[in-house]
Amino acid sequence: MKHSATLCEISRTGAKLSGVSPLAEGQELEFRAGTVQVLGEVVWSKGSECAIAFDTPIAAAEVGRLRSLANFVAGIEEKPE
């Protein structure tokens, strides 16, 4: 089953996501964002948030690209007051 989510935090070893359907701790999955595809495991899940630990660390350059993309998406989702 495919889940869409908002990337809140990313590091070489894992990610925090929000806006997801509840996932079970210990559930194995494939994380895909941009050009990154990595296997991982849900290490905690509460409501619509979860954290994933990657099986293999991703490249530091990919972390930077995903952070920039996440910041851009967050910036365009905010509504002016």
C-alpha atoms as a PDB file:
ATOM      1  CA  MET A   1       0.000   0.000   0.000  1.00  0.00           C
ATOM      2  CA  LYS A   2       1.309   3.455  -0.895  1.00  0.00           C
ATOM      3  CA  HIS A   3       1.133   6.287   1.645  1.00  0.00           C
ATOM      4  CA  SER A   4       1.677   9.974   0.956  1.00  0.00           C
ATOM      5  CA  ALA A   5       3.155  12.054   3.749  1.00  0.00           C
ATOM      6  CA  THR A   6       4.777  15.358   4.624  1.00  0.00           C
ATOM      7  CA  LEU A   7       8.506  15.190   5.318  1.00  0.00           C
ATOM      8  CA  CYS A   8       9.142  16.939   8.661  1.00  0.00           C
ATOM      9  CA  GLU A   9      12.746  15.963   9.319  1.00  0.00           C
ATOM     10  CA  ILE A  10      15.396  14.004   7.435  1.00  0.00           C
ATOM     11  CA  SER A  11      18.876  12.745   8.282  1.00  0.00           C
ATOM     12  CA  ARG A  12      21.233  10.208   6.758  1.00  0.00           C
ATOM     13  CA  THR A  13      19.738   7.494   8.975  1.00  0.00           C
ATOM     14  CA  GLY A  14      16.019   8.267   9.094  1.00  0.00           C
ATOM     15  CA  ALA A  15      13.040  10.544   8.650  1.00  0.00           C
ATOM     16  CA  LYS A  16      10.066  11.931  10.545  1.00  0.00           C
ATOM     17  CA  LEU A  17       6.811  12.105   8.603  1.00  0.00           C
ATOM     18  CA  SER A  18       3.379  13.572   9.273  1.00  0.00           C
ATOM     19  CA  GLY A  19       0.005  13.205   7.628  1.00  0.00           C
ATOM     20  CA  VAL A  20       0.240   9.435   7.303  1.00  0.00           C
ATOM     21  CA  SER A  21      -2.256   6.709   8.030  1.00  0.00           C
ATOM     22  CA  PRO A  22      -1.346   4.972  11.281  1.00  0.00           C
ATOM     23  CA  LEU A  23       1.606   2.628  10.756  1.00  0.00           C
ATOM     24  CA  ALA A  24       2.673  -0.121  13.133  1.00  0.00           C
ATOM     25  CA  GLU A  25       5.991   0.100  14.935  1.00  0.00           C
ATOM     26  CA  GLY A  26       8.316  -2.470  13.432  1.00  0.00           C
ATOM     27  CA  GLN A  27       6.605  -2.307  10.044  1.00  0.00           C
ATOM     28  CA  GLU A  28       9.094  -2.520   7.184  1.00  0.00           C
ATOM     29  CA  LEU A  29       8.628  -0.189   4.242  1.00  0.00           C
ATOM     30  CA  GLU A  30      10.279   1.569   1.344  1.00  0.00           C
ATOM     31  CA  PHE A  31      10.814   5.313   1.767  1.00  0.00           C
ATOM     32  CA  ARG A  32      10.711   7.244  -1.517  1.00  0.00           C
ATOM     33  CA  ALA A  33      11.256  10.979  -1.907  1.00  0.00           C
ATOM     34  CA  GLY A  34      12.795  12.690  -4.910  1.00  0.00           C
ATOM     35  CA  THR A  35      15.454  10.343  -6.232  1.00  0.00           C
ATOM     36  CA  VAL A  36      15.904   8.604  -2.870  1.00  0.00           C
ATOM     37  CA  GLN A  37      14.617   5.062  -2.412  1.00  0.00           C
ATOM     38  CA  VAL A  38      15.664   3.255   0.750  1.00  0.00           C
ATOM     39  CA  LEU A  39      14.298   0.424   2.861  1.00  0.00           C
ATOM     40  CA  GLY A  40      13.489   1.184   6.466  1.00  0.00           C
ATOM     41  CA  GLU A  41      11.458   0.365   9.541  1.00  0.00           C
ATOM     42  CA  VAL A  42       8.899   2.359  11.516  1.00  0.00           C
ATOM     43  CA  VAL A  43      10.516   3.017  14.908  1.00  0.00           C
ATOM     44  CA  TRP A  44       7.613   4.968  16.418  1.00  0.00           C
ATOM     45  CA  SER A  45       4.153   5.965  15.374  1.00  0.00           C
ATOM     46  CA  LYS A  46       1.624   8.235  17.050  1.00  0.00           C
ATOM     47  CA  GLY A  47      -1.536   9.421  15.343  1.00  0.00           C
ATOM     48  CA  SER A  48      -0.617  10.785  11.930  1.00  0.00           C
ATOM     49  CA  GLU A  49       3.125  11.029  12.672  1.00  0.00           C
ATOM     50  CA  CYS A  50       5.859   8.433  12.481  1.00  0.00           C
ATOM     51  CA  ALA A  51       9.618   8.039  12.369  1.00  0.00           C
ATOM     52  CA  ILE A  52      11.477   5.701  10.065  1.00  0.00           C
ATOM     53  CA  ALA A  53      14.995   4.320  10.551  1.00  0.00           C
ATOM     54  CA  PHE A  54      16.695   3.596   7.246  1.00  0.00           C
ATOM     55  CA  ASP A  55      18.382   0.209   6.764  1.00  0.00           C
ATOM     56  CA  THR A  56      21.257   1.950   4.944  1.00  0.00           C
ATOM     57  CA  PRO A  57      22.270   5.589   5.480  1.00  0.00           C
ATOM     58  CA  ILE A  58      21.568   7.888   2.539  1.00  0.00           C
ATOM     59  CA  ALA A  59      24.133  10.298   1.070  1.00  0.00           C
ATOM     60  CA  ALA A  60      24.609  13.658   2.803  1.00  0.00           C
ATOM     61  CA  ALA A  61      23.964  15.398  -0.541  1.00  0.00           C
ATOM     62  CA  GLU A  62      20.543  13.709  -0.754  1.00  0.00           C
ATOM     63  CA  VAL A  63      19.711  14.876   2.783  1.00  0.00           C
ATOM     64  CA  GLY A  64      20.491  18.457   1.735  1.00  0.00           C
ATOM     65  CA  ARG A  65      18.363  18.196  -1.404  1.00  0.00           C
ATOM     66  CA  LEU A  66      15.396  16.733   0.478  1.00  0.00           C
ATOM     67  CA  ARG A  67      15.644  19.366   3.219  1.00  0.00           C
ATOM     68  CA  SER A  68      15.641  22.122   0.592  1.00  0.00           C
ATOM     69  CA  LEU A  69      12.639  20.576  -1.144  1.00  0.00           C
ATOM     70  CA  ALA A  70      10.765  20.125   2.158  1.00  0.00           C
ATOM     71  CA  ASN A  71      11.464  23.774   3.086  1.00  0.00           C
ATOM     72  CA  PHE A  72      10.233  24.915  -0.338  1.00  0.00           C
ATOM     73  CA  VAL A  73       7.038  22.881  -0.028  1.00  0.00           C
ATOM     74  CA  ALA A  74       6.437  24.159   3.498  1.00  0.00           C
ATOM     75  CA  GLY A  75       6.953  27.715   2.276  1.00  0.00           C
ATOM     76  CA  ILE A  76       4.402  27.488  -0.504  1.00  0.00           C
ATOM     77  CA  GLU A  77       1.807  25.802   1.697  1.00  0.00           C
ATOM     78  CA  GLU A  78       1.701  28.702   4.184  1.00  0.00           C
ATOM     79  CA  LYS A  79      -1.103  31.188   3.604  1.00  0.00           C
ATOM     80  CA  PRO A  80      -0.404  34.904   3.957  1.00  0.00           C
ATOM     81  CA  GLU A  81      -2.183  36.642   6.824  1.00  0.00           C
END
